[in-house]
N, C-alpha and C. Protein backbone atom coordinates (compact mmCIF):
# COMPACT_ATOMS: atom_id res chain seq x y z
N MET A 1 46.79 -0.41 155.68
CA MET A 1 45.49 -0.35 155.04
C MET A 1 45.63 0.07 153.58
N GLU A 2 46.59 0.94 153.30
CA GLU A 2 46.79 1.41 151.94
C GLU A 2 47.21 0.26 151.02
N ASN A 3 48.03 -0.67 151.50
CA ASN A 3 48.45 -1.81 150.68
C ASN A 3 47.26 -2.68 150.28
N MET A 4 46.37 -2.90 151.21
CA MET A 4 45.18 -3.72 150.93
C MET A 4 44.34 -3.06 149.84
N GLU A 5 44.19 -1.74 149.92
CA GLU A 5 43.40 -1.02 148.93
C GLU A 5 44.07 -1.10 147.55
N THR A 6 45.38 -0.98 147.51
CA THR A 6 46.11 -1.09 146.25
C THR A 6 45.93 -2.48 145.66
N MET A 7 46.01 -3.52 146.48
CA MET A 7 45.84 -4.88 145.99
C MET A 7 44.43 -5.09 145.44
N GLU A 8 43.42 -4.55 146.12
CA GLU A 8 42.05 -4.68 145.65
C GLU A 8 41.87 -4.00 144.30
N ASN A 9 42.46 -2.82 144.11
CA ASN A 9 42.36 -2.11 142.84
C ASN A 9 43.03 -2.88 141.71
N GLU A 10 44.16 -3.53 142.00
CA GLU A 10 44.87 -4.30 140.98
C GLU A 10 44.03 -5.47 140.50
N HIS A 11 43.23 -6.08 141.36
CA HIS A 11 42.44 -7.25 141.00
C HIS A 11 41.07 -6.91 140.44
N ARG A 12 40.66 -5.69 140.57
CA ARG A 12 39.31 -5.31 140.16
C ARG A 12 39.06 -5.58 138.67
N ASN A 13 40.03 -5.31 137.82
CA ASN A 13 39.85 -5.46 136.38
C ASN A 13 40.61 -6.67 135.84
N GLY A 14 40.96 -7.59 136.69
CA GLY A 14 41.72 -8.75 136.25
C GLY A 14 40.84 -9.83 135.65
N PHE A 15 41.51 -10.84 135.12
CA PHE A 15 40.84 -12.00 134.56
C PHE A 15 41.15 -13.20 135.42
N PHE A 16 40.19 -14.07 135.55
CA PHE A 16 40.34 -15.26 136.37
C PHE A 16 39.79 -16.46 135.61
N LEU A 17 40.42 -17.59 135.77
CA LEU A 17 39.84 -18.83 135.25
C LEU A 17 39.01 -19.41 136.38
N VAL A 18 37.75 -19.66 136.10
CA VAL A 18 36.83 -20.17 137.12
C VAL A 18 36.09 -21.36 136.52
N ARG A 19 35.98 -22.43 137.27
CA ARG A 19 35.26 -23.61 136.76
C ARG A 19 33.78 -23.27 136.65
N GLU A 20 33.19 -23.75 135.58
CA GLU A 20 31.79 -23.44 135.27
C GLU A 20 30.83 -23.82 136.38
N GLU A 21 31.07 -24.93 137.06
CA GLU A 21 30.09 -25.40 138.03
C GLU A 21 29.89 -24.47 139.23
N ILE A 22 30.80 -23.53 139.45
CA ILE A 22 30.59 -22.62 140.58
C ILE A 22 29.94 -21.29 140.16
N LEU A 23 29.71 -21.12 138.87
CA LEU A 23 29.10 -19.88 138.40
C LEU A 23 27.60 -19.85 138.69
N PRO A 24 27.05 -18.67 138.96
CA PRO A 24 25.60 -18.54 139.12
C PRO A 24 24.90 -18.87 137.80
N GLU A 25 23.66 -19.33 137.89
CA GLU A 25 22.89 -19.73 136.71
C GLU A 25 22.78 -18.63 135.66
N ALA A 26 22.61 -17.38 136.10
CA ALA A 26 22.45 -16.28 135.14
C ALA A 26 23.70 -16.12 134.26
N ILE A 27 24.86 -16.33 134.83
CA ILE A 27 26.10 -16.22 134.05
C ILE A 27 26.23 -17.41 133.10
N LYS A 28 25.91 -18.61 133.57
CA LYS A 28 25.95 -19.79 132.70
C LYS A 28 25.00 -19.61 131.52
N LYS A 29 23.80 -19.12 131.80
CA LYS A 29 22.81 -18.93 130.73
C LYS A 29 23.26 -17.84 129.75
N THR A 30 23.91 -16.80 130.25
CA THR A 30 24.43 -15.75 129.39
C THR A 30 25.45 -16.33 128.41
N ILE A 31 26.32 -17.19 128.91
CA ILE A 31 27.32 -17.84 128.05
C ILE A 31 26.62 -18.67 126.99
N ARG A 32 25.59 -19.40 127.38
CA ARG A 32 24.87 -20.25 126.42
C ARG A 32 24.13 -19.42 125.37
N VAL A 33 23.58 -18.28 125.79
CA VAL A 33 22.92 -17.39 124.85
C VAL A 33 23.93 -16.90 123.81
N LYS A 34 25.10 -16.49 124.27
CA LYS A 34 26.13 -16.02 123.35
C LYS A 34 26.55 -17.12 122.38
N GLU A 35 26.65 -18.34 122.88
CA GLU A 35 27.00 -19.47 122.01
C GLU A 35 25.90 -19.73 120.98
N MET A 36 24.63 -19.67 121.41
CA MET A 36 23.51 -19.88 120.49
C MET A 36 23.54 -18.84 119.37
N LEU A 37 23.79 -17.59 119.72
CA LEU A 37 23.83 -16.53 118.73
C LEU A 37 25.00 -16.72 117.77
N LYS A 38 26.14 -17.11 118.30
CA LYS A 38 27.33 -17.31 117.48
C LYS A 38 27.14 -18.46 116.49
N ARG A 39 26.52 -19.54 116.94
CA ARG A 39 26.29 -20.72 116.09
C ARG A 39 25.12 -20.53 115.13
N GLY A 40 24.29 -19.51 115.37
CA GLY A 40 23.12 -19.31 114.53
C GLY A 40 21.93 -20.14 114.97
N ASP A 41 21.97 -20.70 116.19
CA ASP A 41 20.85 -21.49 116.70
C ASP A 41 19.67 -20.60 117.09
N ALA A 42 19.95 -19.31 117.24
CA ALA A 42 18.89 -18.33 117.51
C ALA A 42 19.19 -17.11 116.63
N ARG A 43 18.15 -16.52 116.07
CA ARG A 43 18.36 -15.40 115.16
C ARG A 43 18.49 -14.07 115.89
N THR A 44 17.84 -13.97 117.05
CA THR A 44 17.86 -12.70 117.78
C THR A 44 18.19 -12.95 119.25
N ILE A 45 18.60 -11.88 119.91
CA ILE A 45 18.85 -11.97 121.34
C ILE A 45 17.57 -12.34 122.07
N ASN A 46 16.46 -11.73 121.67
CA ASN A 46 15.17 -12.05 122.30
C ASN A 46 14.87 -13.54 122.23
N GLU A 47 15.04 -14.10 121.05
CA GLU A 47 14.76 -15.53 120.87
C GLU A 47 15.67 -16.38 121.76
N ALA A 48 16.94 -16.03 121.81
CA ALA A 48 17.91 -16.82 122.59
C ALA A 48 17.64 -16.73 124.09
N VAL A 49 17.37 -15.52 124.60
CA VAL A 49 17.14 -15.40 126.04
C VAL A 49 15.83 -16.08 126.45
N GLU A 50 14.83 -16.02 125.58
CA GLU A 50 13.57 -16.71 125.89
C GLU A 50 13.79 -18.22 125.97
N ARG A 51 14.54 -18.76 125.01
CA ARG A 51 14.80 -20.20 125.02
C ARG A 51 15.62 -20.62 126.23
N MET A 52 16.48 -19.75 126.72
CA MET A 52 17.29 -20.07 127.90
C MET A 52 16.60 -19.68 129.21
N GLU A 53 15.43 -19.07 129.09
CA GLU A 53 14.70 -18.59 130.26
C GLU A 53 15.56 -17.65 131.10
N LEU A 54 16.13 -16.66 130.40
CA LEU A 54 16.99 -15.65 131.00
C LEU A 54 16.39 -14.29 130.68
N SER A 55 16.41 -13.38 131.64
CA SER A 55 15.89 -12.04 131.36
C SER A 55 16.88 -11.28 130.46
N ARG A 56 16.33 -10.38 129.65
CA ARG A 56 17.19 -9.57 128.79
C ARG A 56 18.14 -8.72 129.63
N SER A 57 17.65 -8.22 130.75
CA SER A 57 18.51 -7.37 131.59
C SER A 57 19.70 -8.16 132.15
N ALA A 58 19.49 -9.41 132.53
CA ALA A 58 20.60 -10.23 133.02
C ALA A 58 21.60 -10.49 131.90
N TYR A 59 21.08 -10.78 130.71
CA TYR A 59 21.97 -11.00 129.57
C TYR A 59 22.84 -9.76 129.33
N TYR A 60 22.22 -8.58 129.26
CA TYR A 60 22.97 -7.36 128.99
C TYR A 60 23.92 -7.01 130.15
N LYS A 61 23.57 -7.40 131.34
CA LYS A 61 24.43 -7.14 132.50
C LYS A 61 25.74 -7.92 132.40
N TYR A 62 25.69 -9.17 131.91
CA TYR A 62 26.87 -10.04 131.93
C TYR A 62 27.56 -10.24 130.59
N LYS A 63 26.89 -9.95 129.48
CA LYS A 63 27.38 -10.36 128.16
C LYS A 63 28.79 -9.88 127.83
N ASP A 64 29.17 -8.72 128.28
CA ASP A 64 30.50 -8.19 127.96
C ASP A 64 31.58 -8.64 128.94
N TYR A 65 31.20 -9.46 129.91
CA TYR A 65 32.16 -9.86 130.95
C TYR A 65 32.42 -11.35 131.01
N VAL A 66 31.68 -12.14 130.25
CA VAL A 66 31.89 -13.59 130.26
C VAL A 66 32.09 -14.08 128.84
N PHE A 67 33.03 -14.99 128.68
CA PHE A 67 33.29 -15.58 127.39
C PHE A 67 34.06 -16.87 127.61
N PRO A 68 33.94 -17.80 126.67
CA PRO A 68 34.64 -19.07 126.81
C PRO A 68 36.15 -18.87 126.84
N PHE A 69 36.84 -19.78 127.47
CA PHE A 69 38.28 -19.70 127.60
C PHE A 69 38.97 -19.55 126.25
N TYR A 70 38.51 -20.30 125.24
CA TYR A 70 39.19 -20.25 123.95
C TYR A 70 39.12 -18.86 123.33
N GLU A 71 38.05 -18.10 123.58
CA GLU A 71 37.97 -16.74 123.04
C GLU A 71 38.97 -15.83 123.72
N ALA A 72 39.19 -16.04 125.00
CA ALA A 72 40.15 -15.22 125.74
C ALA A 72 41.57 -15.55 125.34
N SER A 73 41.76 -16.71 124.71
CA SER A 73 43.09 -17.18 124.35
C SER A 73 43.48 -16.86 122.92
N LYS A 74 42.57 -16.29 122.14
CA LYS A 74 42.90 -15.97 120.76
C LYS A 74 43.92 -14.84 120.74
N ASN A 75 44.82 -14.92 119.77
CA ASN A 75 45.84 -13.88 119.57
C ASN A 75 46.69 -13.65 120.81
N LYS A 76 47.00 -14.71 121.49
CA LYS A 76 47.79 -14.63 122.71
C LYS A 76 48.94 -15.61 122.65
N ILE A 77 49.81 -15.52 123.62
CA ILE A 77 50.82 -16.54 123.85
C ILE A 77 50.37 -17.30 125.08
N VAL A 78 50.18 -18.60 124.91
CA VAL A 78 49.70 -19.45 125.98
C VAL A 78 50.83 -20.39 126.39
N THR A 79 51.06 -20.51 127.69
CA THR A 79 52.11 -21.38 128.19
C THR A 79 51.48 -22.63 128.78
N LEU A 80 51.92 -23.77 128.27
CA LEU A 80 51.41 -25.07 128.69
C LEU A 80 52.50 -25.84 129.42
N THR A 81 52.11 -26.57 130.44
CA THR A 81 53.07 -27.43 131.13
C THR A 81 52.61 -28.87 130.97
N PHE A 82 53.56 -29.74 130.66
CA PHE A 82 53.29 -31.14 130.38
C PHE A 82 54.07 -32.03 131.33
N LEU A 83 53.52 -33.18 131.63
CA LEU A 83 54.26 -34.28 132.24
C LEU A 83 54.28 -35.35 131.15
N LEU A 84 55.48 -35.64 130.64
CA LEU A 84 55.62 -36.54 129.50
C LEU A 84 56.36 -37.81 129.89
N GLU A 85 55.93 -38.92 129.33
CA GLU A 85 56.67 -40.17 129.50
C GLU A 85 58.03 -40.01 128.84
N HIS A 86 59.04 -40.60 129.44
CA HIS A 86 60.38 -40.54 128.87
C HIS A 86 60.53 -41.67 127.85
N LYS A 87 60.05 -41.38 126.64
CA LYS A 87 60.23 -42.31 125.54
C LYS A 87 60.37 -41.52 124.25
N LYS A 88 61.03 -42.12 123.30
CA LYS A 88 61.38 -41.46 122.05
C LYS A 88 60.14 -40.91 121.33
N GLY A 89 60.23 -39.64 120.91
CA GLY A 89 59.22 -39.05 120.05
C GLY A 89 58.05 -38.37 120.72
N VAL A 90 57.94 -38.45 122.05
CA VAL A 90 56.76 -37.85 122.70
C VAL A 90 56.74 -36.34 122.52
N LEU A 91 57.83 -35.67 122.86
CA LEU A 91 57.86 -34.21 122.72
C LEU A 91 57.71 -33.81 121.25
N SER A 92 58.33 -34.55 120.36
CA SER A 92 58.20 -34.28 118.93
C SER A 92 56.75 -34.39 118.48
N ASN A 93 56.02 -35.40 118.96
CA ASN A 93 54.61 -35.55 118.61
C ASN A 93 53.77 -34.40 119.15
N VAL A 94 54.09 -33.93 120.35
CA VAL A 94 53.39 -32.77 120.93
C VAL A 94 53.61 -31.55 120.04
N LEU A 95 54.86 -31.30 119.67
CA LEU A 95 55.18 -30.13 118.85
C LEU A 95 54.53 -30.23 117.46
N ASN A 96 54.54 -31.42 116.88
CA ASN A 96 53.90 -31.62 115.57
C ASN A 96 52.39 -31.38 115.64
N THR A 97 51.77 -31.79 116.75
CA THR A 97 50.33 -31.57 116.93
C THR A 97 50.03 -30.08 116.99
N ILE A 98 50.83 -29.35 117.73
CA ILE A 98 50.65 -27.89 117.83
C ILE A 98 50.80 -27.26 116.45
N SER A 99 51.85 -27.63 115.76
CA SER A 99 52.15 -27.06 114.45
C SER A 99 51.08 -27.41 113.42
N SER A 100 50.58 -28.63 113.45
CA SER A 100 49.61 -29.06 112.44
C SER A 100 48.29 -28.30 112.54
N ASP A 101 48.02 -27.69 113.69
CA ASP A 101 46.79 -26.91 113.86
C ASP A 101 47.07 -25.41 113.87
N GLY A 102 48.23 -25.01 113.35
CA GLY A 102 48.52 -23.60 113.17
C GLY A 102 49.16 -22.90 114.34
N GLY A 103 49.46 -23.63 115.42
CA GLY A 103 50.12 -23.03 116.56
C GLY A 103 51.60 -22.80 116.26
N SER A 104 52.13 -21.74 116.78
CA SER A 104 53.54 -21.42 116.58
C SER A 104 54.25 -21.55 117.93
N VAL A 105 55.22 -22.45 118.00
CA VAL A 105 55.94 -22.68 119.25
C VAL A 105 56.94 -21.54 119.46
N MET A 106 56.82 -20.86 120.59
CA MET A 106 57.71 -19.74 120.91
C MET A 106 58.89 -20.18 121.77
N THR A 107 58.61 -20.99 122.81
CA THR A 107 59.69 -21.49 123.68
C THR A 107 59.40 -22.93 124.08
N ILE A 108 60.47 -23.65 124.36
CA ILE A 108 60.36 -25.02 124.87
C ILE A 108 61.39 -25.17 125.99
N ASN A 109 60.94 -25.65 127.12
CA ASN A 109 61.84 -25.98 128.22
C ASN A 109 61.49 -27.38 128.69
N GLN A 110 62.49 -28.26 128.73
CA GLN A 110 62.25 -29.62 129.19
C GLN A 110 63.25 -29.96 130.27
N GLY A 111 62.72 -30.54 131.35
CA GLY A 111 63.59 -30.98 132.44
C GLY A 111 64.18 -32.35 132.16
N ILE A 112 65.15 -32.71 132.96
CA ILE A 112 65.76 -34.04 132.86
C ILE A 112 64.75 -35.08 133.34
N PRO A 113 64.60 -36.18 132.60
CA PRO A 113 63.65 -37.22 133.01
C PRO A 113 64.03 -37.83 134.36
N LEU A 114 63.06 -37.98 135.21
CA LEU A 114 63.22 -38.64 136.51
C LEU A 114 62.11 -39.66 136.66
N GLN A 115 62.44 -40.85 137.05
CA GLN A 115 61.47 -41.92 137.27
C GLN A 115 60.55 -42.13 136.06
N GLY A 116 61.14 -42.01 134.86
CA GLY A 116 60.40 -42.31 133.64
C GLY A 116 59.52 -41.21 133.08
N VAL A 117 59.55 -40.03 133.70
CA VAL A 117 58.77 -38.90 133.20
C VAL A 117 59.61 -37.63 133.22
N ALA A 118 59.21 -36.66 132.39
CA ALA A 118 59.90 -35.37 132.34
C ALA A 118 58.87 -34.26 132.28
N ASN A 119 59.18 -33.16 132.91
CA ASN A 119 58.34 -31.97 132.82
C ASN A 119 58.79 -31.16 131.61
N ALA A 120 57.85 -30.62 130.89
CA ALA A 120 58.16 -29.75 129.75
C ALA A 120 57.20 -28.57 129.79
N THR A 121 57.71 -27.42 129.44
CA THR A 121 56.89 -26.21 129.33
C THR A 121 57.02 -25.70 127.91
N VAL A 122 55.89 -25.44 127.27
CA VAL A 122 55.87 -24.98 125.89
C VAL A 122 54.99 -23.75 125.81
N SER A 123 55.53 -22.68 125.24
CA SER A 123 54.73 -21.47 125.00
C SER A 123 54.39 -21.41 123.53
N ILE A 124 53.10 -21.20 123.24
CA ILE A 124 52.66 -21.17 121.84
C ILE A 124 51.91 -19.87 121.55
N GLU A 125 52.08 -19.40 120.33
CA GLU A 125 51.33 -18.25 119.85
C GLU A 125 50.06 -18.80 119.19
N THR A 126 48.91 -18.24 119.54
CA THR A 126 47.64 -18.80 119.09
C THR A 126 46.99 -18.05 117.93
N VAL A 127 47.63 -17.01 117.43
CA VAL A 127 47.01 -16.14 116.43
C VAL A 127 46.61 -16.90 115.17
N ASN A 128 47.35 -17.91 114.76
CA ASN A 128 47.05 -18.63 113.52
C ASN A 128 46.43 -20.01 113.74
N LEU A 129 45.95 -20.27 114.96
CA LEU A 129 45.34 -21.58 115.21
C LEU A 129 44.15 -21.79 114.28
N THR A 130 44.06 -22.99 113.73
CA THR A 130 42.95 -23.32 112.84
C THR A 130 41.79 -23.95 113.61
N ILE A 131 42.00 -24.28 114.88
CA ILE A 131 40.96 -24.80 115.77
C ILE A 131 41.00 -23.99 117.04
N ASP A 132 39.96 -24.07 117.87
CA ASP A 132 40.01 -23.29 119.11
C ASP A 132 40.97 -23.96 120.09
N LEU A 133 41.42 -23.19 121.05
CA LEU A 133 42.44 -23.66 121.98
C LEU A 133 41.99 -24.89 122.76
N GLU A 134 40.73 -24.92 123.17
CA GLU A 134 40.23 -26.07 123.92
C GLU A 134 40.35 -27.36 123.11
N ALA A 135 40.05 -27.28 121.81
CA ALA A 135 40.17 -28.45 120.94
C ALA A 135 41.63 -28.88 120.81
N LEU A 136 42.53 -27.90 120.70
CA LEU A 136 43.96 -28.23 120.64
C LEU A 136 44.42 -28.91 121.93
N LEU A 137 43.97 -28.39 123.06
CA LEU A 137 44.35 -29.00 124.34
C LEU A 137 43.84 -30.44 124.43
N ASP A 138 42.64 -30.68 123.94
CA ASP A 138 42.11 -32.05 123.93
C ASP A 138 42.97 -32.96 123.06
N LYS A 139 43.38 -32.47 121.89
CA LYS A 139 44.24 -33.26 121.01
C LYS A 139 45.59 -33.54 121.66
N LEU A 140 46.13 -32.55 122.34
CA LEU A 140 47.43 -32.73 123.00
C LEU A 140 47.35 -33.75 124.14
N ARG A 141 46.23 -33.75 124.85
CA ARG A 141 46.05 -34.72 125.93
C ARG A 141 46.00 -36.16 125.39
N MET A 142 45.60 -36.30 124.14
CA MET A 142 45.48 -37.62 123.52
C MET A 142 46.79 -38.13 122.92
N VAL A 143 47.81 -37.27 122.85
CA VAL A 143 49.09 -37.70 122.31
C VAL A 143 49.66 -38.79 123.21
N ASP A 144 50.07 -39.91 122.60
CA ASP A 144 50.63 -41.02 123.35
C ASP A 144 51.87 -40.56 124.12
N GLY A 145 51.86 -40.76 125.41
CA GLY A 145 52.98 -40.36 126.25
C GLY A 145 52.74 -39.09 127.06
N VAL A 146 51.66 -38.36 126.77
CA VAL A 146 51.31 -37.18 127.56
C VAL A 146 50.54 -37.67 128.78
N LYS A 147 51.15 -37.53 129.95
CA LYS A 147 50.54 -37.96 131.19
C LYS A 147 49.65 -36.89 131.82
N ARG A 148 50.06 -35.62 131.63
CA ARG A 148 49.31 -34.50 132.20
C ARG A 148 49.58 -33.25 131.38
N LEU A 149 48.58 -32.41 131.25
CA LEU A 149 48.70 -31.14 130.54
C LEU A 149 47.90 -30.10 131.30
N GLU A 150 48.53 -28.96 131.56
CA GLU A 150 47.83 -27.86 132.23
C GLU A 150 48.21 -26.55 131.56
N VAL A 151 47.28 -25.61 131.56
CA VAL A 151 47.57 -24.26 131.08
C VAL A 151 48.21 -23.52 132.24
N LEU A 152 49.43 -23.06 132.02
CA LEU A 152 50.17 -22.37 133.06
C LEU A 152 49.82 -20.89 133.10
N GLY A 153 49.60 -20.31 131.93
CA GLY A 153 49.26 -18.89 131.86
C GLY A 153 49.17 -18.42 130.44
N GLN A 154 48.80 -17.14 130.29
CA GLN A 154 48.75 -16.54 128.96
C GLN A 154 49.12 -15.08 129.03
N ALA A 155 49.67 -14.59 127.94
CA ALA A 155 50.11 -13.20 127.88
C ALA A 155 49.53 -12.55 126.65
């Protein structure tokens, strides 16, 4: 029983990636209110919560606990895993894309190509990114030869 309690305590203050569609409406609306305020689409919290039809108490309950993935990824080292086509220049194009947007490559591990594809893992430092991480991930997915891209973790 003591092990179970220890495990529960370890997870109590942890972070989890959760898909938006499973979140309760109040949390989704809180995220949208924060985005409205950040973009300047609303001048006050009152204005933003009214437009989102969210109570002020719900906003204050969740505001310090929810934030977009890219905000959680700032000033971190993010590890990405790729499935790349085995053709000249694909990994180089991936690395150039990261670098062109201010990412600093910390580590690169690439497996031997099998059946025309290779797995690669790249860890990047995000402190100097000139775009948010989600935008960088979108750009990386568009690189010719990138078959799959997933965020493996962050430190």
